[in-house]
Amino acid sequence: MNLLWFILIGLVAGFLAGAVMKGHGFGLLGNLIVGVIGALLGGFLLGLLGIYTAGVIGSLISAFLGAVVLLVLIGFIKRKGG
């Protein structure tokens, strides 16, 4: 059940990050995938800073921040290479 919540939160975070980062998204499906990967990244980055989240809202915020960071990084790499 925890894996299902993780995936659902990542999907929502990817959708929200794609909406906030207009012009830096990868379409609905791409943003959802970025959200799931961003959930991992967000948890890792916040853990490095000593910030730990609890509950659905905390997990969503962490995943959203990770997805935004990932979209920025991918956009930077994409712009630099092209």
N, C-alpha and C. Protein backbone atom coordinates (compact mmCIF):
# COMPACT_ATOMS: atom_id res chain seq x y z
N MET A 1 0.82 -1.20 0.00
CA MET A 1 0.00 0.00 0.00
C MET A 1 0.87 1.26 0.00
N ASN A 2 2.01 1.23 0.67
CA ASN A 2 2.89 2.40 0.69
C ASN A 2 3.40 2.72 -0.71
N LEU A 3 3.70 1.71 -1.50
CA LEU A 3 4.17 1.93 -2.87
C LEU A 3 3.09 2.61 -3.70
N LEU A 4 1.85 2.22 -3.50
CA LEU A 4 0.74 2.83 -4.22
C LEU A 4 0.61 4.31 -3.86
N TRP A 5 0.72 4.65 -2.57
CA TRP A 5 0.67 6.05 -2.15
C TRP A 5 1.83 6.84 -2.74
N PHE A 6 3.02 6.24 -2.72
CA PHE A 6 4.20 6.89 -3.27
C PHE A 6 3.99 7.23 -4.74
N ILE A 7 3.47 6.29 -5.51
CA ILE A 7 3.23 6.51 -6.94
C ILE A 7 2.15 7.57 -7.14
N LEU A 8 1.06 7.49 -6.39
CA LEU A 8 -0.02 8.47 -6.53
C LEU A 8 0.45 9.88 -6.17
N ILE A 9 1.21 10.01 -5.10
CA ILE A 9 1.73 11.32 -4.71
C ILE A 9 2.70 11.83 -5.77
N GLY A 10 3.54 10.96 -6.29
CA GLY A 10 4.46 11.35 -7.35
C GLY A 10 3.74 11.81 -8.60
N LEU A 11 2.66 11.14 -8.95
CA LEU A 11 1.88 11.53 -10.12
C LEU A 11 1.26 12.91 -9.94
N VAL A 12 0.69 13.15 -8.77
CA VAL A 12 0.09 14.46 -8.49
C VAL A 12 1.17 15.54 -8.48
N ALA A 13 2.31 15.25 -7.85
CA ALA A 13 3.41 16.22 -7.80
C ALA A 13 3.92 16.53 -9.20
N GLY A 14 4.03 15.54 -10.06
CA GLY A 14 4.47 15.77 -11.43
C GLY A 14 3.50 16.63 -12.20
N PHE A 15 2.22 16.39 -12.00
CA PHE A 15 1.21 17.20 -12.66
C PHE A 15 1.30 18.65 -12.20
N LEU A 16 1.41 18.86 -10.88
CA LEU A 16 1.50 20.21 -10.33
C LEU A 16 2.78 20.91 -10.77
N ALA A 17 3.89 20.20 -10.76
CA ALA A 17 5.17 20.79 -11.17
C ALA A 17 5.12 21.19 -12.64
N GLY A 18 4.51 20.36 -13.47
CA GLY A 18 4.38 20.68 -14.89
C GLY A 18 3.51 21.91 -15.10
N ALA A 19 2.48 22.08 -14.26
CA ALA A 19 1.61 23.24 -14.36
C ALA A 19 2.33 24.51 -13.92
N VAL A 20 3.15 24.40 -12.88
CA VAL A 20 3.88 25.55 -12.36
C VAL A 20 5.01 25.94 -13.30
N MET A 21 5.67 24.96 -13.87
CA MET A 21 6.84 25.20 -14.72
C MET A 21 6.42 25.27 -16.18
N LYS A 22 5.49 26.13 -16.49
CA LYS A 22 5.01 26.27 -17.87
C LYS A 22 6.19 26.45 -18.83
N GLY A 23 6.16 25.68 -19.91
CA GLY A 23 7.22 25.77 -20.91
C GLY A 23 8.40 24.86 -20.62
N HIS A 24 8.45 24.29 -19.41
CA HIS A 24 9.56 23.40 -19.07
C HIS A 24 9.09 21.97 -18.89
N GLY A 25 7.83 21.71 -19.16
CA GLY A 25 7.28 20.38 -18.97
C GLY A 25 7.51 19.49 -20.17
N PHE A 26 7.05 18.25 -20.03
CA PHE A 26 7.23 17.25 -21.08
C PHE A 26 5.91 16.60 -21.44
N GLY A 27 4.84 17.33 -21.33
CA GLY A 27 3.53 16.76 -21.59
C GLY A 27 3.02 16.04 -20.36
N LEU A 28 1.78 15.63 -20.39
CA LEU A 28 1.15 15.03 -19.22
C LEU A 28 1.88 13.76 -18.77
N LEU A 29 2.11 12.83 -19.67
CA LEU A 29 2.75 11.57 -19.29
C LEU A 29 4.18 11.79 -18.81
N GLY A 30 4.92 12.62 -19.52
CA GLY A 30 6.30 12.91 -19.12
C GLY A 30 6.38 13.57 -17.76
N ASN A 31 5.47 14.51 -17.49
CA ASN A 31 5.45 15.18 -16.19
C ASN A 31 5.07 14.22 -15.07
N LEU A 32 4.20 13.28 -15.35
CA LEU A 32 3.83 12.30 -14.33
C LEU A 32 5.03 11.41 -13.98
N ILE A 33 5.78 11.02 -14.98
CA ILE A 33 6.99 10.22 -14.74
C ILE A 33 8.02 11.04 -13.98
N VAL A 34 8.18 12.30 -14.37
CA VAL A 34 9.10 13.19 -13.66
C VAL A 34 8.66 13.33 -12.21
N GLY A 35 7.37 13.36 -11.96
CA GLY A 35 6.86 13.47 -10.59
C GLY A 35 7.23 12.29 -9.73
N VAL A 36 7.13 11.10 -10.28
CA VAL A 36 7.49 9.90 -9.51
C VAL A 36 8.99 9.90 -9.22
N ILE A 37 9.81 10.22 -10.21
CA ILE A 37 11.26 10.29 -10.00
C ILE A 37 11.58 11.47 -9.07
N GLY A 38 10.87 12.58 -9.23
CA GLY A 38 11.06 13.74 -8.39
C GLY A 38 10.72 13.47 -6.93
N ALA A 39 9.78 12.57 -6.69
CA ALA A 39 9.44 12.20 -5.31
C ALA A 39 10.65 11.58 -4.62
N LEU A 40 11.37 10.74 -5.34
CA LEU A 40 12.60 10.16 -4.79
C LEU A 40 13.65 11.25 -4.57
N LEU A 41 13.81 12.10 -5.55
CA LEU A 41 14.80 13.18 -5.47
C LEU A 41 14.47 14.15 -4.34
N GLY A 42 13.21 14.52 -4.21
CA GLY A 42 12.80 15.44 -3.16
C GLY A 42 13.06 14.89 -1.78
N GLY A 43 12.74 13.61 -1.58
CA GLY A 43 13.01 12.98 -0.28
C GLY A 43 14.49 12.94 0.02
N PHE A 44 15.29 12.66 -0.99
CA PHE A 44 16.74 12.60 -0.83
C PHE A 44 17.31 13.98 -0.49
N LEU A 45 16.92 14.99 -1.27
CA LEU A 45 17.45 16.34 -1.06
C LEU A 45 17.03 16.92 0.29
N LEU A 46 15.78 16.74 0.66
CA LEU A 46 15.34 17.25 1.95
C LEU A 46 16.01 16.49 3.09
N GLY A 47 16.25 15.21 2.90
CA GLY A 47 16.97 14.43 3.90
C GLY A 47 18.39 14.94 4.11
N LEU A 48 19.03 15.34 3.02
CA LEU A 48 20.37 15.92 3.13
C LEU A 48 20.37 17.21 3.94
N LEU A 49 19.28 17.95 3.84
CA LEU A 49 19.15 19.20 4.58
C LEU A 49 18.64 18.98 6.01
N GLY A 50 18.35 17.74 6.36
CA GLY A 50 17.86 17.44 7.69
C GLY A 50 16.38 17.73 7.87
N ILE A 51 15.66 17.84 6.77
CA ILE A 51 14.22 18.11 6.80
C ILE A 51 13.49 16.82 6.46
N TYR A 52 12.61 16.41 7.34
CA TYR A 52 11.85 15.19 7.11
C TYR A 52 10.36 15.52 7.15
N THR A 53 9.63 14.98 6.21
CA THR A 53 8.21 15.27 6.10
C THR A 53 7.40 14.09 6.63
N ALA A 54 6.18 14.41 7.04
CA ALA A 54 5.28 13.38 7.53
C ALA A 54 3.91 13.59 6.92
N GLY A 55 3.21 12.53 6.72
CA GLY A 55 1.85 12.62 6.20
C GLY A 55 1.80 12.83 4.70
N VAL A 56 0.60 12.85 4.20
CA VAL A 56 0.37 12.97 2.77
C VAL A 56 0.78 14.36 2.27
N ILE A 57 0.44 15.40 3.01
CA ILE A 57 0.76 16.76 2.57
C ILE A 57 2.27 16.96 2.55
N GLY A 58 2.97 16.51 3.58
CA GLY A 58 4.42 16.63 3.62
C GLY A 58 5.08 15.86 2.49
N SER A 59 4.57 14.67 2.21
CA SER A 59 5.10 13.88 1.11
C SER A 59 4.84 14.56 -0.23
N LEU A 60 3.67 15.16 -0.37
CA LEU A 60 3.33 15.85 -1.61
C LEU A 60 4.24 17.07 -1.82
N ILE A 61 4.50 17.80 -0.75
CA ILE A 61 5.39 18.96 -0.85
C ILE A 61 6.80 18.51 -1.23
N SER A 62 7.27 17.46 -0.60
CA SER A 62 8.61 16.93 -0.90
C SER A 62 8.69 16.46 -2.35
N ALA A 63 7.69 15.73 -2.80
CA ALA A 63 7.68 15.24 -4.17
C ALA A 63 7.57 16.38 -5.17
N PHE A 64 6.76 17.38 -4.85
CA PHE A 64 6.62 18.55 -5.72
C PHE A 64 7.95 19.29 -5.87
N LEU A 65 8.63 19.52 -4.76
CA LEU A 65 9.93 20.20 -4.81
C LEU A 65 10.94 19.40 -5.63
N GLY A 66 10.95 18.09 -5.44
CA GLY A 66 11.85 17.24 -6.21
C GLY A 66 11.53 17.26 -7.69
N ALA A 67 10.24 17.27 -8.03
CA ALA A 67 9.84 17.30 -9.44
C ALA A 67 10.21 18.62 -10.09
N VAL A 68 10.06 19.73 -9.35
CA VAL A 68 10.44 21.03 -9.90
C VAL A 68 11.94 21.08 -10.13
N VAL A 69 12.72 20.60 -9.16
CA VAL A 69 14.18 20.57 -9.31
C VAL A 69 14.55 19.72 -10.52
N LEU A 70 13.92 18.58 -10.66
CA LEU A 70 14.22 17.69 -11.78
C LEU A 70 13.85 18.34 -13.12
N LEU A 71 12.71 19.01 -13.18
CA LEU A 71 12.33 19.70 -14.42
C LEU A 71 13.31 20.81 -14.77
N VAL A 72 13.78 21.53 -13.77
CA VAL A 72 14.77 22.58 -14.02
C VAL A 72 16.06 21.98 -14.53
N LEU A 73 16.53 20.90 -13.89
CA LEU A 73 17.76 20.25 -14.32
C LEU A 73 17.66 19.69 -15.74
N ILE A 74 16.55 19.04 -16.02
CA ILE A 74 16.36 18.48 -17.37
C ILE A 74 16.28 19.60 -18.40
N GLY A 75 15.57 20.68 -18.07
CA GLY A 75 15.47 21.82 -18.98
C GLY A 75 16.83 22.45 -19.23
N PHE A 76 17.65 22.55 -18.19
CA PHE A 76 18.99 23.11 -18.33
C PHE A 76 19.86 22.23 -19.23
N ILE A 77 19.82 20.92 -19.00
CA ILE A 77 20.60 19.98 -19.81
C ILE A 77 20.12 19.99 -21.25
N LYS A 78 18.81 20.01 -21.42
CA LYS A 78 18.23 20.01 -22.77
C LYS A 78 18.61 21.28 -23.53
N ARG A 79 18.58 22.43 -22.85
CA ARG A 79 18.92 23.71 -23.46
C ARG A 79 20.42 23.78 -23.77
N LYS A 80 21.24 23.27 -22.88
CA LYS A 80 22.69 23.30 -23.04
C LYS A 80 23.12 22.41 -24.21
N GLY A 81 22.48 21.27 -24.37
CA GLY A 81 22.87 20.33 -25.42
C GLY A 81 22.30 20.68 -26.78
N GLY A 82 21.25 21.45 -26.82
CA GLY A 82 20.58 21.71 -28.09
C GLY A 82 20.74 23.08 -28.50
